[in-house]
Amino acid sequence: MNHRAIALGLACLASFVTHGAVAQGLRSSGAAGPGLSRISPAAPSFALPAPGAGAALRQADFIVAVVNSEPVTNNEVRSRAERIAQQVAQQGGNLPPREALAREVLERLIVEKIQLQLAREAGMRVDDFAVGQAEESVAKQNSVSVAEMHRRLAADGISKERFRDELRNQLLLQRLRERDVQSRVRVSDLDVDQYLREQQSSADASKVEINLGHILVRVPENASPDQVAERQARAQRAADKVRAGEDFAAVAREFSDSPEAKTAGGLLGLRPADRYPELFVSATAQLPVGGIAGPVRSGAGFHVLKLADKSTGGVSTLVTQSHARHILLRTGPQLTESAAAARLADYRRRIVAGQADFAELAREHSQDGSAKQGGDLGWANPGRYVPEFEQAMSTLRPGEVSEPLVSRFGVHLIQLVARREAKLTQREQRDMARDTVREKKVEEAFTNWLQELRGRAYVEYREAPQ
């Protein structure tokens, strides 16, 4: 695990932005029954300094701006700018000039501080359990223990306390956005009809959308020829397994070094082809749906790709559905997240030991509308649940029970009942279209909201960041 990987893991981890849901929980208004609604997340970032940069940053520190009496320091700007520069370099992109990057980073930090101040004024807080769960998720993404992750971060001057504070801030920002933006966005049937008409009228070759399954076998920088050969052979074994008919998600979890292997079974999501790397598009251009390409080589390593879906109308037609049940405990003044997690951990222990039945415990204790059905959420399409719920569910095998996990709705215990490949009905395609429209509306609302917050804040610029 390297430092860039940790920061990238944090960015993925922090993707918990969700939109509003109907009473009792959790599924959007376009779908029947209780559940968990989701939009594509906007992922905040955690800035790590370059190795060995800590001392230099401390020596150069000074205030560059004041936001409602709270300072922004030069160190904060430099640290975040270094993180962005590393990410862009890793992805092969072009950076703006140093001064322009510093100005952009400063503006991001100003807006983040405004949001954090608003959240704290509203009395919002993030329980230690949620922060601990976030730490564990980042460590898992990087295939190390939490203790080892802290040790490596400490070597670059990032203490455990600072790391947890940054995680807490990112989670707090997400909860504020959920409260003030996502929950207020509504999508009408007319909005969905208009979107579908637009998609049908523009459905040509330039509007092709694809969903790729992705397995990455990473090749370290400066790898020896023997190391390259070993990694290529590993990628070839993965490709052979999926071509032989093994479940792509299971092979991805076994072989892939990419975060989506654990969060989404290796699926990258339906998106316009021009939003995928050219290497991926060209490698899969001639494949039928379900076809496998690779291994193909890039600067990051070897890739195995599956054309999971292809659409010219903006709506997926063939998906992997999940059937799950859950127990939800809602948190508040009478029940903290830590206490709810402890209670659910005891339920899990009893279920795994064969001393209790999941459905019976759900009927007795769950505070979701699905309790009467034993917590049964029915069959759900990808993207139906909030990201943290979906991530936990995607790692389960049928019959398995998750560890307790926190979402905006409370603390959950999940059992995966089954998975299946299914062709979407017309109504389900409308539901997915509704989610896409909601995502667009949330993005617009979020931009407007940030502009309003920025306009109301007092910001005093001091010295230019260096």
Protein backbone atom coordinates (compact mmCIF):
# COMPACT_ATOMS: atom_id res chain seq x y z
CA MET A 1 0.00 0.00 0.00
CA ASN A 2 1.33 3.45 -0.85
CA HIS A 3 0.24 6.87 0.33
CA ARG A 4 -1.51 7.67 -2.91
CA ALA A 5 -3.57 4.51 -2.52
CA ILE A 6 -4.64 5.53 0.98
CA ALA A 7 -5.86 8.90 -0.22
CA LEU A 8 -7.67 7.37 -3.17
CA GLY A 9 -9.30 4.92 -0.78
CA LEU A 10 -10.47 7.81 1.35
CA ALA A 11 -11.98 9.51 -1.65
CA CYS A 12 -13.89 6.33 -2.49
CA LEU A 13 -14.88 5.82 1.13
CA ALA A 14 -16.30 9.29 1.43
CA SER A 15 -18.89 8.63 -1.25
CA PHE A 16 -21.89 8.49 1.05
CA VAL A 17 -24.00 11.29 -0.43
CA THR A 18 -27.63 10.17 -0.70
CA HIS A 19 -30.94 11.69 -1.62
CA GLY A 20 -34.27 11.79 0.16
CA ALA A 21 -36.50 8.85 0.86
CA VAL A 22 -40.08 8.18 1.72
CA ALA A 23 -41.22 7.70 5.26
CA GLN A 24 -39.89 4.53 6.95
CA GLY A 25 -37.03 4.38 5.09
CA LEU A 26 -35.40 4.03 2.41
CA ARG A 27 -36.46 3.53 -1.21
CA SER A 28 -37.10 6.37 -3.65
CA SER A 29 -40.61 7.36 -4.59
CA GLY A 30 -40.26 5.73 -7.99
CA ALA A 31 -40.03 2.23 -6.54
CA ALA A 32 -42.42 0.10 -4.57
CA GLY A 33 -41.91 -0.94 -1.01
CA PRO A 34 -39.40 -0.02 1.67
CA GLY A 35 -35.74 0.19 0.81
CA LEU A 36 -32.78 2.50 0.46
CA SER A 37 -32.48 5.19 -2.16
CA ARG A 38 -29.24 6.35 -3.71
CA ILE A 39 -27.69 8.72 -6.20
CA SER A 40 -24.21 8.83 -7.59
CA PRO A 41 -22.03 10.28 -4.85
CA ALA A 42 -19.88 13.36 -4.83
CA ALA A 43 -16.72 12.21 -3.16
CA PRO A 44 -14.80 14.58 -0.91
CA SER A 45 -11.06 14.13 -0.64
CA PHE A 46 -8.45 13.67 2.05
CA ALA A 47 -5.16 15.44 1.35
CA LEU A 48 -1.97 13.63 2.25
CA PRO A 49 1.41 15.36 2.07
CA ALA A 50 4.13 14.03 -0.16
CA PRO A 51 6.58 11.74 1.66
CA GLY A 52 9.04 13.76 3.69
CA ALA A 53 7.19 17.03 3.15
CA GLY A 54 6.01 17.53 6.72
CA ALA A 55 8.92 19.55 8.05
CA ALA A 56 8.98 21.90 5.07
CA LEU A 57 5.27 22.53 5.41
CA ARG A 58 5.53 23.40 9.07
CA GLN A 59 8.31 25.92 8.48
CA ALA A 60 6.34 27.79 5.80
CA ASP A 61 2.97 27.97 7.54
CA PHE A 62 0.96 31.20 7.66
CA ILE A 63 -2.67 32.32 7.30
CA VAL A 64 -3.84 32.80 3.71
CA ALA A 65 -7.54 33.48 4.36
CA VAL A 66 -10.09 33.87 7.15
CA VAL A 67 -13.54 32.30 6.82
CA ASN A 68 -16.07 33.68 9.33
CA SER A 69 -13.16 34.18 11.79
CA GLU A 70 -11.68 30.69 11.12
CA PRO A 71 -8.25 30.68 9.41
CA VAL A 72 -7.12 28.75 6.34
CA THR A 73 -3.38 28.14 6.48
CA ASN A 74 -0.75 27.84 3.78
CA ASN A 75 -0.01 24.31 4.95
CA GLU A 76 -3.60 23.25 4.34
CA VAL A 77 -3.48 24.59 0.79
CA ARG A 78 -0.08 23.03 0.01
CA SER A 79 -1.06 19.67 1.45
CA ARG A 80 -4.29 19.50 -0.56
CA ALA A 81 -2.58 20.75 -3.73
CA GLU A 82 0.11 18.08 -3.38
CA ARG A 83 -2.55 15.41 -3.01
CA ILE A 84 -4.35 16.59 -6.16
CA ALA A 85 -1.08 16.80 -8.09
CA GLN A 86 -0.25 13.19 -7.20
CA GLN A 87 -3.69 11.97 -8.26
CA VAL A 88 -3.59 13.84 -11.57
CA ALA A 89 -0.08 12.56 -12.29
CA GLN A 90 -1.13 8.99 -11.51
CA GLN A 91 -4.07 9.31 -13.93
CA GLY A 92 -1.89 10.83 -16.66
CA GLY A 93 -3.70 14.20 -16.68
CA ASN A 94 -2.41 17.75 -17.03
CA LEU A 95 -2.14 20.09 -14.06
CA PRO A 96 -2.86 23.82 -14.25
CA PRO A 97 0.00 26.17 -13.36
CA ARG A 98 1.04 26.00 -9.71
CA GLU A 99 -0.45 29.36 -8.76
CA ALA A 100 -3.77 28.57 -10.45
CA LEU A 101 -3.93 25.20 -8.68
CA ALA A 102 -3.24 26.85 -5.32
CA ARG A 103 -6.05 29.37 -5.90
CA GLU A 104 -8.49 26.61 -6.82
CA VAL A 105 -7.54 24.55 -3.77
CA LEU A 106 -7.91 27.59 -1.53
CA GLU A 107 -11.44 28.14 -2.80
CA ARG A 108 -12.30 24.48 -2.14
CA LEU A 109 -11.03 24.74 1.42
CA ILE A 110 -12.98 27.94 2.00
CA VAL A 111 -16.22 26.30 0.87
CA GLU A 112 -15.52 23.20 3.00
CA LYS A 113 -14.96 25.34 6.10
CA ILE A 114 -18.22 27.20 5.47
CA GLN A 115 -20.09 23.90 5.31
CA LEU A 116 -18.41 22.51 8.43
CA GLN A 117 -19.28 25.67 10.34
CA LEU A 118 -22.92 25.37 9.26
CA ALA A 119 -23.06 21.72 10.31
CA ARG A 120 -21.63 22.45 13.74
CA GLU A 121 -23.95 25.40 14.27
CA ALA A 122 -26.85 23.04 13.52
CA GLY A 123 -25.61 20.64 16.21
CA MET A 124 -24.74 17.88 13.75
CA ARG A 125 -22.17 15.35 14.84
CA VAL A 126 -20.57 12.09 13.75
CA ASP A 127 -20.34 9.27 16.28
CA ASP A 128 -16.98 7.58 16.95
CA PHE A 129 -18.43 4.32 15.67
CA ALA A 130 -19.03 5.82 12.20
CA VAL A 131 -15.47 7.14 12.12
CA GLY A 132 -14.11 3.75 13.17
CA GLN A 133 -16.15 2.06 10.46
CA ALA A 134 -14.74 4.51 7.92
CA GLU A 135 -11.19 3.72 9.07
CA GLU A 136 -11.79 0.00 8.65
CA SER A 137 -13.22 0.53 5.17
CA VAL A 138 -10.16 2.50 4.04
CA ALA A 139 -7.82 -0.10 5.48
CA LYS A 140 -9.68 -2.91 3.70
CA GLN A 141 -9.51 -1.05 0.41
CA ASN A 142 -5.74 -0.94 0.81
CA SER A 143 -5.42 -4.55 2.03
CA VAL A 144 -3.79 -3.64 5.35
CA SER A 145 -4.83 -3.59 8.99
CA VAL A 146 -5.96 -0.35 10.61
CA ALA A 147 -2.85 -0.39 12.80
CA GLU A 148 -0.55 -0.78 9.79
CA MET A 149 -2.37 2.01 7.97
CA HIS A 150 -1.86 4.34 10.93
CA ARG A 151 1.80 3.37 11.14
CA ARG A 152 2.41 4.24 7.51
CA LEU A 153 0.52 7.49 7.76
CA ALA A 154 2.46 8.43 10.91
CA ALA A 155 5.68 7.96 8.96
CA ASP A 156 4.56 10.91 6.83
CA GLY A 157 3.56 13.02 9.81
CA ILE A 158 -0.17 12.22 9.82
CA SER A 159 -1.25 11.20 13.30
CA LYS A 160 -4.15 8.88 14.07
CA GLU A 161 -6.04 11.82 15.59
CA ARG A 162 -5.59 13.99 12.50
CA PHE A 163 -6.63 11.14 10.22
CA ARG A 164 -9.79 10.50 12.26
CA ASP A 165 -10.59 14.22 12.38
CA GLU A 166 -10.38 14.42 8.59
CA LEU A 167 -12.65 11.40 8.25
CA ARG A 168 -15.10 12.88 10.74
CA ASN A 169 -15.18 16.15 8.79
CA GLN A 170 -15.83 14.39 5.49
CA LEU A 171 -18.67 12.36 6.99
CA LEU A 172 -20.09 15.52 8.56
CA LEU A 173 -20.04 17.28 5.17
CA GLN A 174 -21.90 14.38 3.62
CA ARG A 175 -24.61 14.43 6.28
CA LEU A 176 -25.06 18.18 5.86
CA ARG A 177 -25.46 17.78 2.10
CA GLU A 178 -27.94 14.96 2.61
CA ARG A 179 -29.99 17.17 4.92
CA ASP A 180 -29.87 20.42 2.97
CA VAL A 181 -29.71 19.23 -0.65
CA GLN A 182 -30.50 15.58 -1.38
CA SER A 183 -33.59 15.36 0.81
CA ARG A 184 -35.20 18.38 -0.89
CA VAL A 185 -34.89 17.26 -4.51
CA ARG A 186 -38.03 15.90 -6.13
CA VAL A 187 -38.45 14.22 -9.52
CA SER A 188 -41.84 14.24 -11.24
CA ASP A 189 -43.19 11.83 -13.84
CA LEU A 190 -42.96 14.68 -16.35
CA ASP A 191 -39.24 14.96 -15.61
CA VAL A 192 -38.79 11.25 -16.31
CA ASP A 193 -40.86 11.41 -19.50
CA GLN A 194 -38.81 14.33 -20.79
CA TYR A 195 -35.54 12.55 -20.01
CA LEU A 196 -36.64 9.37 -21.83
CA ARG A 197 -37.75 11.40 -24.87
CA GLU A 198 -34.41 13.17 -24.97
CA GLN A 199 -32.55 9.87 -24.72
CA GLN A 200 -34.58 8.30 -27.51
CA SER A 201 -34.15 11.29 -29.82
CA SER A 202 -30.38 11.38 -29.31
CA ALA A 203 -29.77 7.61 -29.32
CA ASP A 204 -27.02 7.42 -31.91
CA ALA A 205 -23.54 5.97 -31.98
CA SER A 206 -22.10 9.01 -30.22
CA LYS A 207 -24.45 8.45 -27.26
CA VAL A 208 -23.53 4.85 -26.52
CA GLU A 209 -23.34 4.05 -22.80
CA ILE A 210 -21.53 1.01 -21.47
CA ASN A 211 -21.11 -0.69 -18.11
CA LEU A 212 -17.80 -2.47 -17.73
CA GLY A 213 -16.70 -5.06 -15.23
CA HIS A 214 -13.08 -4.34 -14.28
CA ILE A 215 -10.32 -6.42 -12.75
CA LEU A 216 -7.02 -4.62 -12.19
CA VAL A 217 -3.82 -6.46 -11.36
CA ARG A 218 -1.58 -3.59 -10.36
CA VAL A 219 2.08 -3.48 -11.42
CA PRO A 220 4.32 -1.57 -8.98
CA GLU A 221 6.35 1.36 -10.21
CA ASN A 222 9.86 0.33 -11.30
CA ALA A 223 8.80 -3.33 -11.30
CA SER A 224 11.37 -5.87 -12.46
CA PRO A 225 10.67 -8.03 -15.55
CA ASP A 226 9.99 -10.98 -13.25
CA GLN A 227 7.43 -8.96 -11.29
CA VAL A 228 5.72 -7.83 -14.50
CA ALA A 229 5.55 -11.41 -15.74
CA GLU A 230 4.10 -12.61 -12.43
CA ARG A 231 1.41 -9.90 -12.46
CA GLN A 232 0.55 -10.64 -16.09
CA ALA A 233 0.17 -14.32 -15.27
CA ARG A 234 -2.15 -13.43 -12.37
CA ALA A 235 -4.30 -11.29 -14.69
CA GLN A 236 -4.40 -14.12 -17.22
CA ARG A 237 -5.63 -16.54 -14.54
CA ALA A 238 -8.44 -14.12 -13.70
CA ALA A 239 -9.37 -13.78 -17.38
CA ASP A 240 -9.36 -17.55 -17.84
CA LYS A 241 -11.68 -18.01 -14.86
CA VAL A 242 -14.32 -15.55 -16.07
CA ARG A 243 -14.11 -16.90 -19.64
CA ALA A 244 -14.72 -20.36 -18.17
CA GLY A 245 -17.99 -19.10 -16.69
CA GLU A 246 -17.05 -18.25 -13.10
CA ASP A 247 -18.88 -15.34 -11.48
CA PHE A 248 -17.14 -12.10 -12.46
CA ALA A 249 -17.79 -10.43 -9.09
CA ALA A 250 -16.25 -13.37 -7.21
CA VAL A 251 -13.17 -13.40 -9.47
CA ALA A 252 -12.84 -9.61 -9.08
CA ARG A 253 -12.91 -9.90 -5.30
CA GLU A 254 -10.21 -12.58 -5.47
CA PHE A 255 -7.84 -11.01 -7.99
CA SER A 256 -8.49 -7.29 -8.41
CA ASP A 257 -6.51 -4.49 -6.76
CA SER A 258 -9.17 -1.92 -7.68
CA PRO A 259 -11.60 -0.61 -4.99
CA GLU A 260 -14.74 -1.33 -7.02
CA ALA A 261 -13.98 -5.05 -6.82
CA LYS A 262 -15.21 -5.01 -3.23
CA THR A 263 -17.77 -2.21 -3.49
CA ALA A 264 -19.57 -3.22 -6.69
CA GLY A 265 -18.29 -6.62 -7.78
CA GLY A 266 -15.92 -4.95 -10.22
CA LEU A 267 -18.65 -3.02 -12.08
CA LEU A 268 -17.74 0.55 -13.00
CA GLY A 269 -21.30 1.65 -13.76
CA LEU A 270 -23.30 2.59 -16.86
CA ARG A 271 -21.85 5.79 -18.32
CA PRO A 272 -21.13 7.37 -21.72
CA ALA A 273 -18.31 5.58 -23.50
CA ASP A 274 -16.30 8.80 -23.70
CA ARG A 275 -16.12 8.84 -19.89
CA TYR A 276 -14.16 5.59 -19.90
CA PRO A 277 -10.43 5.41 -20.69
CA GLU A 278 -9.82 5.03 -24.42
CA LEU A 279 -7.94 1.79 -23.71
CA PHE A 280 -11.08 0.28 -22.13
CA VAL A 281 -13.38 1.46 -24.94
CA SER A 282 -11.17 0.16 -27.74
CA ALA A 283 -10.59 -3.18 -25.99
CA THR A 284 -14.34 -3.83 -25.63
CA ALA A 285 -15.64 -2.14 -28.80
CA GLN A 286 -16.26 -5.39 -30.70
CA LEU A 287 -17.49 -7.45 -27.76
CA PRO A 288 -21.05 -8.67 -27.34
CA VAL A 289 -22.73 -8.01 -23.99
CA GLY A 290 -21.15 -10.46 -21.55
CA GLY A 291 -17.90 -10.68 -23.55
CA ILE A 292 -14.45 -10.58 -21.93
CA ALA A 293 -11.36 -8.65 -23.04
CA GLY A 294 -7.81 -8.79 -21.77
CA PRO A 295 -5.53 -8.83 -20.06
CA VAL A 296 -4.64 -5.44 -21.56
CA ARG A 297 -1.72 -3.37 -20.28
CA SER A 298 -1.75 0.23 -19.04
CA GLY A 299 0.59 2.29 -16.90
CA ALA A 300 -1.26 1.04 -13.80
CA GLY A 301 -1.03 -2.68 -14.59
CA PHE A 302 -3.04 -5.37 -16.37
CA HIS A 303 -6.81 -5.08 -16.88
CA VAL A 304 -9.47 -7.72 -17.52
CA LEU A 305 -12.70 -6.20 -18.82
CA LYS A 306 -16.26 -7.49 -19.18
CA LEU A 307 -18.89 -5.69 -21.27
CA ALA A 308 -21.65 -6.02 -18.68
CA ASP A 309 -24.19 -3.84 -20.48
CA LYS A 310 -24.50 -1.55 -23.49
CA SER A 311 -27.21 0.99 -24.14
CA THR A 312 -27.99 3.73 -26.65
CA GLY A 313 -30.99 4.97 -24.73
CA GLY A 314 -29.43 5.87 -21.40
CA VAL A 315 -31.15 3.06 -19.47
CA SER A 316 -29.62 -0.32 -18.70
CA THR A 317 -31.67 -3.37 -19.69
CA LEU A 318 -29.77 -6.33 -18.13
CA VAL A 319 -28.60 -6.09 -14.52
CA THR A 320 -27.54 -8.18 -11.53
CA GLN A 321 -30.27 -7.90 -8.92
CA SER A 322 -29.84 -8.53 -5.20
CA HIS A 323 -32.41 -9.83 -2.73
CA ALA A 324 -31.63 -8.78 0.84
CA ARG A 325 -33.24 -8.28 4.20
CA HIS A 326 -32.13 -5.94 6.96
CA ILE A 327 -32.66 -4.83 10.53
CA LEU A 328 -32.58 -1.06 11.07
CA LEU A 329 -32.09 0.68 14.41
CA ARG A 330 -32.64 4.42 14.24
CA THR A 331 -30.24 6.53 16.29
CA GLY A 332 -30.85 9.65 18.32
CA PRO A 333 -30.61 11.02 21.86
CA GLN A 334 -31.85 7.72 23.30
CA LEU A 335 -29.67 5.44 21.17
CA THR A 336 -26.17 6.28 19.95
CA GLU A 337 -24.62 4.69 16.88
CA SER A 338 -22.19 2.81 19.10
CA ALA A 339 -24.99 1.40 21.25
CA ALA A 340 -27.05 0.44 18.20
CA ALA A 341 -24.03 -1.26 16.63
CA ALA A 342 -23.38 -3.24 19.82
CA ARG A 343 -27.00 -4.42 19.88
CA LEU A 344 -26.87 -5.47 16.23
CA ALA A 345 -23.53 -7.20 16.74
CA ASP A 346 -25.21 -9.33 19.41
CA TYR A 347 -28.05 -10.16 16.99
CA ARG A 348 -25.48 -11.17 14.39
CA ARG A 349 -23.65 -13.41 16.87
CA ARG A 350 -26.90 -15.18 17.72
CA ILE A 351 -27.88 -15.59 14.04
CA VAL A 352 -24.50 -16.98 13.02
CA ALA A 353 -24.53 -19.37 15.98
CA GLY A 354 -27.96 -20.66 14.96
CA GLN A 355 -29.56 -19.32 18.15
CA ALA A 356 -31.89 -16.84 16.41
CA ASP A 357 -33.60 -16.31 13.06
CA PHE A 358 -32.86 -13.11 11.11
CA ALA A 359 -36.45 -12.60 10.00
CA GLU A 360 -37.83 -13.05 13.52
CA LEU A 361 -35.33 -10.56 14.97
CA ALA A 362 -36.26 -8.10 12.21
CA ARG A 363 -39.97 -8.42 13.00
CA GLU A 364 -39.27 -7.85 16.69
CA HIS A 365 -36.65 -5.11 16.60
CA SER A 366 -36.30 -3.42 13.20
CA GLN A 367 -37.52 0.18 12.98
CA ASP A 368 -37.97 0.11 9.21
CA GLY A 369 -41.22 -0.39 7.32
CA SER A 370 -39.93 -3.76 6.16
CA ALA A 371 -40.06 -5.17 9.72
CA LYS A 372 -43.44 -6.82 9.19
CA GLN A 373 -41.95 -8.77 6.28
CA GLY A 374 -39.03 -9.94 8.39
CA GLY A 375 -36.85 -7.14 7.05
CA ASP A 376 -37.31 -8.37 3.46
CA LEU A 377 -36.41 -5.67 0.91
CA GLY A 378 -37.26 -7.73 -2.15
CA TRP A 379 -35.29 -7.79 -5.38
CA ALA A 380 -33.37 -4.59 -6.06
CA ASN A 381 -31.41 -3.26 -9.02
CA PRO A 382 -27.88 -1.87 -8.75
CA GLY A 383 -27.80 1.68 -7.42
CA ARG A 384 -31.05 1.33 -5.47
CA TYR A 385 -29.38 1.51 -2.06
CA VAL A 386 -27.25 4.16 -0.41
CA PRO A 387 -23.56 3.49 -1.16
CA GLU A 388 -22.51 2.21 2.25
CA PHE A 389 -25.42 -0.26 2.30
CA GLU A 390 -24.74 -1.41 -1.25
CA GLN A 391 -21.02 -1.75 -0.58
CA ALA A 392 -21.60 -3.99 2.42
CA MET A 393 -24.20 -6.06 0.57
CA SER A 394 -21.92 -6.53 -2.46
CA THR A 395 -19.30 -8.30 -0.33
CA LEU A 396 -21.77 -10.87 0.99
CA ARG A 397 -22.50 -14.32 -0.35
CA PRO A 398 -26.08 -15.63 -0.23
CA GLY A 399 -26.98 -16.43 3.37
CA GLU A 400 -24.19 -14.32 4.90
CA VAL A 401 -24.85 -11.55 7.44
CA SER A 402 -22.91 -8.29 7.46
CA GLU A 403 -21.31 -6.54 10.36
CA PRO A 404 -23.33 -3.54 11.64
CA LEU A 405 -23.00 -0.51 9.38
CA VAL A 406 -24.00 3.14 9.62
CA SER A 407 -26.03 5.05 7.04
CA ARG A 408 -27.98 8.32 7.12
CA PHE A 409 -31.01 6.28 8.30
CA GLY A 410 -29.39 4.62 11.32
CA VAL A 411 -27.45 1.40 11.87
CA HIS A 412 -28.19 -1.71 9.79
CA LEU A 413 -27.62 -5.44 9.83
CA ILE A 414 -27.91 -6.99 6.35
CA GLN A 415 -28.45 -10.53 5.15
CA LEU A 416 -28.06 -11.30 1.46
CA VAL A 417 -30.71 -13.81 0.40
CA ALA A 418 -29.80 -14.29 -3.29
CA ARG A 419 -28.54 -12.71 -6.52
CA ARG A 420 -29.75 -13.12 -10.11
CA GLU A 421 -29.31 -11.75 -13.61
CA ALA A 422 -32.51 -10.07 -14.78
CA LYS A 423 -33.84 -8.08 -17.71
CA LEU A 424 -35.48 -4.88 -16.53
CA THR A 425 -39.20 -4.35 -16.97
CA GLN A 426 -40.43 -1.08 -18.44
CA ARG A 427 -41.29 0.15 -14.97
CA GLU A 428 -37.85 -0.73 -13.64
CA GLN A 429 -36.25 1.11 -16.55
CA ARG A 430 -38.32 4.16 -15.60
CA ASP A 431 -37.12 3.82 -12.01
CA MET A 432 -33.50 3.81 -13.18
CA ALA A 433 -34.23 6.79 -15.41
CA ARG A 434 -35.74 8.53 -12.38
CA ASP A 435 -32.52 7.92 -10.44
CA THR A 436 -30.50 9.42 -13.29
CA VAL A 437 -32.71 12.51 -13.41
CA ARG A 438 -32.51 12.84 -9.63
CA GLU A 439 -28.72 12.69 -9.80
CA LYS A 440 -28.64 15.51 -12.33
CA LYS A 441 -31.04 17.60 -10.25
CA VAL A 442 -29.03 17.01 -7.10
CA GLU A 443 -25.83 18.09 -8.84
CA GLU A 444 -27.50 21.31 -9.95
CA ALA A 445 -29.05 21.92 -6.53
CA PHE A 446 -25.74 21.24 -4.81
CA THR A 447 -23.92 23.75 -7.02
CA ASN A 448 -26.55 26.42 -6.34
CA TRP A 449 -26.50 25.65 -2.62
CA LEU A 450 -22.72 26.05 -2.43
CA GLN A 451 -22.92 29.36 -4.27
CA GLU A 452 -25.52 30.60 -1.80
CA LEU A 453 -23.41 29.53 1.19
CA ARG A 454 -20.33 31.17 -0.31
CA GLY A 455 -22.23 34.40 -0.98
CA ARG A 456 -23.43 34.67 2.64
CA ALA A 457 -20.05 33.97 4.24
CA TYR A 458 -17.45 36.54 5.30
CA VAL A 459 -14.12 35.69 3.63
CA GLU A 460 -10.99 37.79 4.06
CA TYR A 461 -7.99 36.98 1.90
CA ARG A 462 -4.58 37.54 3.51
CA GLU A 463 -1.41 36.37 1.76
CA ALA A 464 -1.35 34.34 -1.43
CA PRO A 465 -0.62 30.63 -0.80
CA GLN A 466 2.89 29.46 -1.67
